[in-house]
C-alpha atoms as a PDB file:
ATOM      1  CA  UNK A   1     -10.739 -29.374  48.264  1.00  0.00           C
ATOM      2  CA  UNK A   2      -9.604 -29.967  51.845  1.00  0.00           C
ATOM      3  CA  UNK A   3      -9.922 -33.752  51.453  1.00  0.00           C
ATOM      4  CA  UNK A   4      -7.761 -33.696  48.333  1.00  0.00           C
ATOM      5  CA  UNK A   5      -5.141 -31.548  50.080  1.00  0.00           C
ATOM      6  CA  UNK A   6      -4.966 -33.898  53.059  1.00  0.00           C
ATOM      7  CA  UNK A   7      -4.715 -36.897  50.717  1.00  0.00           C
ATOM      8  CA  UNK A   8      -1.845 -35.216  48.874  1.00  0.00           C
ATOM      9  CA  UNK A   9      -0.114 -34.392  52.161  1.00  0.00           C
ATOM     10  CA  UNK A  10      -0.433 -38.025  53.266  1.00  0.00           C
ATOM     11  CA  UNK A  11       1.222 -39.136  50.028  1.00  0.00           C
ATOM     12  CA  UNK A  12       4.159 -36.779  50.608  1.00  0.00           C
ATOM     13  CA  UNK A  13       4.551 -38.005  54.183  1.00  0.00           C
ATOM     14  CA  UNK A  14       4.386 -41.669  53.117  1.00  0.00           C
ATOM     15  CA  UNK A  15       6.835 -41.291  50.211  1.00  0.00           C
ATOM     16  CA  UNK A  16      10.049 -41.929  52.220  1.00  0.00           C
ATOM     17  CA  UNK A  17       8.770 -45.288  53.472  1.00  0.00           C
ATOM     18  CA  UNK A  18       8.010 -48.467  51.506  1.00  0.00           C
ATOM     19  CA  UNK A  19       4.530 -49.943  51.743  1.00  0.00           C
ATOM     20  CA  UNK A  20       5.887 -53.209  53.102  1.00  0.00           C
ATOM     21  CA  UNK A  21       9.005 -53.197  55.259  1.00  0.00           C
ATOM     22  CA  UNK A  22       9.473 -56.961  55.474  1.00  0.00           C
ATOM     23  CA  UNK A  23      12.132 -57.652  52.897  1.00  0.00           C
ATOM     24  CA  UNK A  24      15.393 -55.904  52.177  1.00  0.00           C
ATOM     25  CA  UNK A  25      14.526 -56.018  48.500  1.00  0.00           C
ATOM     26  CA  UNK A  26      11.417 -53.909  49.190  1.00  0.00           C
ATOM     27  CA  UNK A  27      13.574 -51.255  50.819  1.00  0.00           C
ATOM     28  CA  UNK A  28      16.171 -51.373  48.027  1.00  0.00           C
ATOM     29  CA  UNK A  29      13.597 -51.027  45.249  1.00  0.00           C
ATOM     30  CA  UNK A  30      11.801 -48.312  47.199  1.00  0.00           C
ATOM     31  CA  UNK A  31      14.914 -46.193  47.603  1.00  0.00           C
ATOM     32  CA  UNK A  32      15.879 -46.675  43.972  1.00  0.00           C
ATOM     33  CA  UNK A  33      12.473 -45.385  42.910  1.00  0.00           C
ATOM     34  CA  UNK A  34      12.225 -42.643  45.558  1.00  0.00           C
ATOM     35  CA  UNK A  35      13.587 -39.823  43.346  1.00  0.00           C
ATOM     36  CA  UNK A  36      10.975 -40.658  40.705  1.00  0.00           C
ATOM     37  CA  UNK A  37       8.204 -40.766  43.307  1.00  0.00           C
ATOM     38  CA  UNK A  38       9.216 -37.349  44.621  1.00  0.00           C
ATOM     39  CA  UNK A  39       9.572 -35.888  41.121  1.00  0.00           C
ATOM     40  CA  UNK A  40       6.099 -37.002  40.071  1.00  0.00           C
ATOM     41  CA  UNK A  41       4.584 -36.031  43.419  1.00  0.00           C
ATOM     42  CA  UNK A  42       5.234 -32.435  42.342  1.00  0.00           C
ATOM     43  CA  UNK A  43       2.533 -32.715  39.693  1.00  0.00           C
ATOM     44  CA  UNK A  44      -0.432 -30.629  40.860  1.00  0.00           C
ATOM     45  CA  UNK A  45      -3.928 -32.098  41.015  1.00  0.00           C
ATOM     46  CA  UNK A  46      -6.309 -31.538  38.128  1.00  0.00           C
ATOM     47  CA  UNK A  47      -8.410 -29.042  40.064  1.00  0.00           C
ATOM     48  CA  UNK A  48      -5.881 -26.278  39.268  1.00  0.00           C
ATOM     49  CA  UNK A  49      -6.635 -24.320  36.078  1.00  0.00           C
ATOM     50  CA  UNK A  50      -8.934 -27.012  34.744  1.00  0.00           C
ATOM     51  CA  UNK A  51      -6.162 -29.599  34.558  1.00  0.00           C
ATOM     52  CA  UNK A  52      -3.863 -27.452  32.424  1.00  0.00           C
ATOM     53  CA  UNK A  53      -1.294 -27.117  35.211  1.00  0.00           C
ATOM     54  CA  UNK A  54      -1.299 -30.894  35.649  1.00  0.00           C
ATOM     55  CA  UNK A  55      -0.708 -31.407  31.932  1.00  0.00           C
ATOM     56  CA  UNK A  56       2.145 -28.895  31.668  1.00  0.00           C
ATOM     57  CA  UNK A  57       3.968 -30.040  34.819  1.00  0.00           C
ATOM     58  CA  UNK A  58       3.549 -33.720  33.874  1.00  0.00           C
ATOM     59  CA  UNK A  59       4.963 -32.972  30.429  1.00  0.00           C
ATOM     60  CA  UNK A  60       7.979 -31.235  31.994  1.00  0.00           C
ATOM     61  CA  UNK A  61       8.524 -34.192  34.354  1.00  0.00           C
ATOM     62  CA  UNK A  62       8.349 -36.667  31.472  1.00  0.00           C
ATOM     63  CA  UNK A  63      10.851 -34.534  29.568  1.00  0.00           C
ATOM     64  CA  UNK A  64      13.179 -34.561  32.580  1.00  0.00           C
ATOM     65  CA  UNK A  65      12.957 -38.341  32.888  1.00  0.00           C
ATOM     66  CA  UNK A  66      13.610 -38.720  29.157  1.00  0.00           C
ATOM     67  CA  UNK A  67      16.690 -36.498  29.399  1.00  0.00           C
ATOM     68  CA  UNK A  68      18.012 -38.433  32.388  1.00  0.00           C
ATOM     69  CA  UNK A  69      17.475 -41.801  30.688  1.00  0.00           C
ATOM     70  CA  UNK A  70      19.164 -40.493  27.536  1.00  0.00           C
ATOM     71  CA  UNK A  71      22.187 -39.284  29.496  1.00  0.00           C
ATOM     72  CA  UNK A  72      22.496 -42.540  31.441  1.00  0.00           C
ATOM     73  CA  UNK A  73      22.185 -44.539  28.220  1.00  0.00           C
ATOM     74  CA  UNK A  74      24.863 -42.405  26.547  1.00  0.00           C
ATOM     75  CA  UNK A  75      27.205 -42.896  29.510  1.00  0.00           C
ATOM     76  CA  UNK A  76      26.539 -46.638  29.545  1.00  0.00           C
ATOM     77  CA  UNK A  77      27.171 -46.845  25.792  1.00  0.00           C
ATOM     78  CA  UNK A  78      30.391 -44.894  26.219  1.00  0.00           C
ATOM     79  CA  UNK A  79      31.583 -47.246  28.967  1.00  0.00           C
ATOM     80  CA  UNK A  80      30.849 -50.265  26.749  1.00  0.00           C
ATOM     81  CA  UNK A  81      32.389 -48.596  23.698  1.00  0.00           C
ATOM     82  CA  UNK A  82      29.150 -48.741  21.711  1.00  0.00           C
ATOM     83  CA  UNK A  83      28.486 -46.214  18.950  1.00  0.00           C
ATOM     84  CA  UNK A  84      25.760 -43.666  19.713  1.00  0.00           C
ATOM     85  CA  UNK A  85      23.484 -45.074  16.990  1.00  0.00           C
ATOM     86  CA  UNK A  86      23.563 -48.577  18.515  1.00  0.00           C
ATOM     87  CA  UNK A  87      22.924 -47.150  21.987  1.00  0.00           C
ATOM     88  CA  UNK A  88      19.946 -45.168  20.683  1.00  0.00           C
ATOM     89  CA  UNK A  89      18.476 -48.215  18.933  1.00  0.00           C
ATOM     90  CA  UNK A  90      18.941 -50.308  22.084  1.00  0.00           C
ATOM     91  CA  UNK A  91      17.160 -47.723  24.251  1.00  0.00           C
ATOM     92  CA  UNK A  92      14.358 -47.347  21.702  1.00  0.00           C
ATOM     93  CA  UNK A  93      13.821 -51.109  21.532  1.00  0.00           C
ATOM     94  CA  UNK A  94      14.001 -51.424  25.308  1.00  0.00           C
ATOM     95  CA  UNK A  95      11.243 -48.896  25.762  1.00  0.00           C
ATOM     96  CA  UNK A  96       9.066 -50.097  22.868  1.00  0.00           C
ATOM     97  CA  UNK A  97       9.258 -53.889  22.990  1.00  0.00           C
ATOM     98  CA  UNK A  98       7.418 -54.273  26.315  1.00  0.00           C
ATOM     99  CA  UNK A  99       4.373 -52.730  24.596  1.00  0.00           C
ATOM    100  CA  UNK A 100       4.408 -55.120  21.637  1.00  0.00           C
ATOM    101  CA  UNK A 101       2.964 -58.159  23.392  1.00  0.00           C
ATOM    102  CA  UNK A 102      -0.192 -56.493  24.773  1.00  0.00           C
ATOM    103  CA  UNK A 103      -0.819 -54.844  21.393  1.00  0.00           C
ATOM    104  CA  UNK A 104      -0.477 -58.169  19.574  1.00  0.00           C
ATOM    105  CA  UNK A 105      -2.842 -59.805  22.051  1.00  0.00           C
ATOM    106  CA  UNK A 106      -5.398 -57.029  21.566  1.00  0.00           C
ATOM    107  CA  UNK A 107      -5.144 -57.251  17.767  1.00  0.00           C
ATOM    108  CA  UNK A 108      -5.689 -61.015  17.902  1.00  0.00           C
ATOM    109  CA  UNK A 109      -8.801 -60.547  20.048  1.00  0.00           C
ATOM    110  CA  UNK A 110     -10.119 -57.922  17.642  1.00  0.00           C
ATOM    111  CA  UNK A 111      -9.497 -60.238  14.701  1.00  0.00           C
ATOM    112  CA  UNK A 112     -11.249 -63.102  16.505  1.00  0.00           C
ATOM    113  CA  UNK A 113     -14.210 -60.844  17.289  1.00  0.00           C
ATOM    114  CA  UNK A 114     -14.430 -59.695  13.695  1.00  0.00           C
ATOM    115  CA  UNK A 115     -14.284 -63.274  12.405  1.00  0.00           C
ATOM    116  CA  UNK A 116     -17.184 -64.228  14.678  1.00  0.00           C
ATOM    117  CA  UNK A 117     -19.099 -61.148  13.573  1.00  0.00           C
ATOM    118  CA  UNK A 118     -19.213 -59.600  17.027  1.00  0.00           C
ATOM    119  CA  UNK A 119     -19.143 -55.903  17.604  1.00  0.00           C
ATOM    120  CA  UNK A 120     -16.156 -54.313  19.353  1.00  0.00           C
END
């Protein structure tokens, strides 16, 4: 348990600094993502309560991120004068469409395997 604690402590100490400090873009992206890194660093390791604490805290963090994204999307839609329904559809598509391509690729591979008679 001591090794896991020291690893976790190292992660907390390294969080304020980007992995590579060469480019300004690295620093900018790092500081934009820093609140998310700190939020998800609060998730306890799975050794507590058989992983149940990890599950519950991760679920709460995901709920917080979802609420924040929803609020930002609503504000952005308000600024652009978009109806709430259009804003909701846009956010839903923006979060779902990146997953479509890998799923299509996987389905094509499965179909190819089945046509050749191979097992999955």
